[in-house]
């Protein structure tokens, strides 16, 4: 009897790990799906002899971003994702700590100053590191927008922009297992 054939199309949620080691923040409760997006720009070359016909295209740049619809009102985790912010804690009662997150508006804040490695990991039990997407240098651009009503969850869309890693030939992101060497 022949084995049934089917397409193994992956679906399902994921988590995001931002940072590494003790500096890692995990965003594991989301609502609406984590979105990874890239954008490539190019210059279309035309010459007089062919009018508006494109005779060649040249890559001008590539960007990537990750949007994490974080569903918890967790000020320590939000502080990691909101640039130019400062978290204060009052641990007088360790069982009920109090937090305050100050968000500042000064122009000129270098977003790459606090950039970290970001990894998207599907939570599917059969997912492997081959399914991961890694952004080696990601900076947060989070602008919370909360709707206070009885029909919707309050979601902070945390946006992380990828920047080229100049130590790796301008690497913006990679898909798959990080342990695979590029010179194998």
Protein backbone atom coordinates (compact mmCIF):
# COMPACT_ATOMS: atom_id res chain seq x y z
CA UNK A 1 0.00 0.00 0.00
CA UNK A 2 1.36 3.38 -0.97
CA UNK A 3 2.09 5.97 1.70
CA UNK A 4 -0.35 8.88 1.59
CA UNK A 5 1.16 12.03 0.18
CA UNK A 6 0.53 15.43 1.66
CA UNK A 7 2.13 18.83 1.89
CA UNK A 8 3.75 19.60 5.21
CA UNK A 9 2.85 23.28 5.32
CA UNK A 10 3.89 24.78 8.66
CA UNK A 11 1.44 26.90 10.63
CA UNK A 12 1.20 28.04 14.20
CA UNK A 13 2.56 30.52 16.69
CA UNK A 14 6.12 31.33 17.63
CA UNK A 15 8.11 33.01 20.37
CA UNK A 16 10.76 35.70 20.05
CA UNK A 17 14.03 35.67 21.96
CA UNK A 18 15.60 39.12 22.14
CA UNK A 19 19.17 39.23 23.42
CA UNK A 20 21.36 36.39 24.63
CA UNK A 21 22.19 34.65 27.90
CA UNK A 22 21.25 36.58 31.06
CA UNK A 23 20.35 39.57 28.87
CA UNK A 24 17.63 37.62 26.98
CA UNK A 25 13.98 38.66 27.07
CA UNK A 26 11.45 36.15 25.75
CA UNK A 27 8.20 37.35 24.22
CA UNK A 28 6.08 34.21 24.39
CA UNK A 29 2.49 35.44 24.74
CA UNK A 30 1.23 37.10 21.56
CA UNK A 31 -2.09 37.85 19.92
CA UNK A 32 -2.41 38.11 16.15
CA UNK A 33 0.79 36.42 15.02
CA UNK A 34 4.44 37.42 14.89
CA UNK A 35 5.28 38.94 11.51
CA UNK A 36 8.71 38.81 9.84
CA UNK A 37 8.98 41.08 6.81
CA UNK A 38 11.75 42.06 4.42
CA UNK A 39 11.91 44.83 1.87
CA UNK A 40 14.35 45.06 -1.02
CA UNK A 41 14.96 48.23 -3.00
CA UNK A 42 16.47 48.35 -6.46
CA UNK A 43 17.38 50.85 -9.11
CA UNK A 44 15.96 50.14 -12.54
CA UNK A 45 18.38 51.19 -15.28
CA UNK A 46 17.00 52.61 -18.51
CA UNK A 47 18.78 53.95 -21.58
CA UNK A 48 17.61 56.37 -24.25
CA UNK A 49 17.73 53.75 -27.00
CA UNK A 50 15.04 51.64 -25.27
CA UNK A 51 12.88 54.39 -23.77
CA UNK A 52 11.21 53.33 -20.51
CA UNK A 53 12.21 49.70 -20.89
CA UNK A 54 14.23 48.46 -17.95
CA UNK A 55 17.48 46.97 -19.27
CA UNK A 56 19.02 46.12 -15.91
CA UNK A 57 18.20 46.29 -12.17
CA UNK A 58 20.69 46.90 -9.38
CA UNK A 59 20.11 46.02 -5.74
CA UNK A 60 20.20 49.18 -3.62
CA UNK A 61 19.43 47.79 -0.20
CA UNK A 62 17.49 45.39 1.95
CA UNK A 63 15.79 45.79 5.30
CA UNK A 64 13.94 43.47 7.64
CA UNK A 65 11.64 43.92 10.58
CA UNK A 66 9.81 41.77 13.10
CA UNK A 67 6.50 42.77 14.62
CA UNK A 68 5.60 41.06 17.89
CA UNK A 69 2.01 41.66 19.08
CA UNK A 70 2.86 41.25 22.77
CA UNK A 71 -0.29 40.47 24.74
CA UNK A 72 0.92 41.00 28.30
CA UNK A 73 1.15 44.24 30.22
CA UNK A 74 4.58 43.34 31.59
CA UNK A 75 6.50 46.56 32.22
CA UNK A 76 9.96 44.94 32.59
CA UNK A 77 9.53 43.20 29.19
CA UNK A 78 8.01 46.30 27.61
CA UNK A 79 10.95 48.38 28.87
CA UNK A 80 13.36 46.21 26.88
CA UNK A 81 11.35 46.90 23.72
CA UNK A 82 10.72 50.63 24.16
CA UNK A 83 13.76 52.70 23.19
CA UNK A 84 14.81 55.69 25.26
CA UNK A 85 12.91 54.46 28.30
CA UNK A 86 13.79 53.83 31.92
CA UNK A 87 12.26 51.25 34.27
CA UNK A 88 11.97 51.90 38.00
CA UNK A 89 11.06 49.21 40.54
CA UNK A 90 9.91 49.29 44.15
CA UNK A 91 10.51 45.85 45.68
CA UNK A 92 9.50 46.78 49.21
CA UNK A 93 6.98 43.93 48.97
CA UNK A 94 8.79 41.24 46.92
CA UNK A 95 5.52 39.39 46.24
CA UNK A 96 3.95 42.52 44.76
CA UNK A 97 6.64 44.65 43.14
CA UNK A 98 5.66 48.04 41.78
CA UNK A 99 6.97 49.33 38.45
CA UNK A 100 7.09 52.61 36.61
CA UNK A 101 8.26 52.95 33.02
CA UNK A 102 9.33 56.43 31.94
CA UNK A 103 9.45 56.97 28.17
CA UNK A 104 11.42 59.99 26.93
CA UNK A 105 10.99 62.04 23.77
CA UNK A 106 14.39 63.60 23.07
CA UNK A 107 15.47 63.50 19.45
CA UNK A 108 18.80 61.97 18.58
CA UNK A 109 18.56 58.65 20.47
CA UNK A 110 20.70 56.05 18.67
CA UNK A 111 18.43 53.03 18.18
CA UNK A 112 21.37 50.74 17.44
CA UNK A 113 22.89 51.55 20.85
CA UNK A 114 20.75 48.86 22.50
CA UNK A 115 20.40 46.54 19.48
CA UNK A 116 20.52 42.81 20.19
CA UNK A 117 20.21 39.48 18.45
CA UNK A 118 16.60 38.43 17.79
CA UNK A 119 15.44 34.87 17.04
CA UNK A 120 11.96 33.80 15.97
CA UNK A 121 11.27 30.19 17.04
CA UNK A 122 8.06 28.43 16.01
CA UNK A 123 6.45 26.58 18.93
CA UNK A 124 5.38 23.61 16.80
CA UNK A 125 6.76 20.49 18.57
CA UNK A 126 8.22 19.26 15.29
CA UNK A 127 10.01 22.58 14.59
CA UNK A 128 13.79 22.47 14.50
CA UNK A 129 16.47 25.17 14.31
CA UNK A 130 16.03 24.91 10.52
CA UNK A 131 12.70 26.72 11.05
CA UNK A 132 14.16 29.64 13.00
CA UNK A 133 14.76 33.16 11.65
CA UNK A 134 17.61 35.13 13.19
CA UNK A 135 18.25 38.87 12.97
CA UNK A 136 21.81 39.38 14.31
CA UNK A 137 21.32 43.10 15.02
CA UNK A 138 17.76 44.16 15.86
CA UNK A 139 16.72 47.43 17.49
CA UNK A 140 13.30 48.03 19.03
CA UNK A 141 10.90 50.71 17.79
CA UNK A 142 7.90 49.92 19.97
CA UNK A 143 4.97 52.33 20.09
CA UNK A 144 2.28 50.84 22.35
CA UNK A 145 -1.32 51.48 21.36
CA UNK A 146 -3.85 50.15 23.84
CA UNK A 147 -7.59 49.93 23.32
CA UNK A 148 -9.53 49.86 26.57
CA UNK A 149 -12.84 48.11 25.90
CA UNK A 150 -14.57 44.85 26.75
CA UNK A 151 -14.09 43.24 23.33
CA UNK A 152 -10.34 43.38 22.71
CA UNK A 153 -7.09 42.40 24.33
CA UNK A 154 -4.59 45.20 24.93
CA UNK A 155 -1.72 44.54 22.54
CA UNK A 156 1.63 46.31 22.30
CA UNK A 157 2.92 45.86 18.75
CA UNK A 158 6.62 45.67 19.39
CA UNK A 159 8.53 46.40 16.19
CA UNK A 160 12.18 45.38 15.83
CA UNK A 161 14.20 46.72 12.88
CA UNK A 162 17.13 44.72 11.56
CA UNK A 163 20.45 46.41 10.77
CA UNK A 164 23.33 44.97 8.74
CA UNK A 165 26.06 43.23 10.73
CA UNK A 166 29.16 44.75 9.17
CA UNK A 167 31.36 42.07 10.75
CA UNK A 168 29.48 39.49 8.61
CA UNK A 169 29.54 41.16 5.18
CA UNK A 170 26.39 43.18 5.91
CA UNK A 171 24.28 40.21 7.02
CA UNK A 172 20.70 41.38 7.69
CA UNK A 173 19.11 38.07 8.68
CA UNK A 174 19.37 34.36 8.12
CA UNK A 175 16.92 31.50 8.05
CA UNK A 176 17.78 28.14 9.53
CA UNK A 177 20.27 26.65 11.95
CA UNK A 178 22.85 29.05 13.32
CA UNK A 179 25.35 26.24 13.89
CA UNK A 180 25.78 25.66 10.16
CA UNK A 181 29.01 27.33 9.16
CA UNK A 182 28.97 29.44 6.04
CA UNK A 183 32.33 28.11 4.84
CA UNK A 184 31.43 24.39 5.02
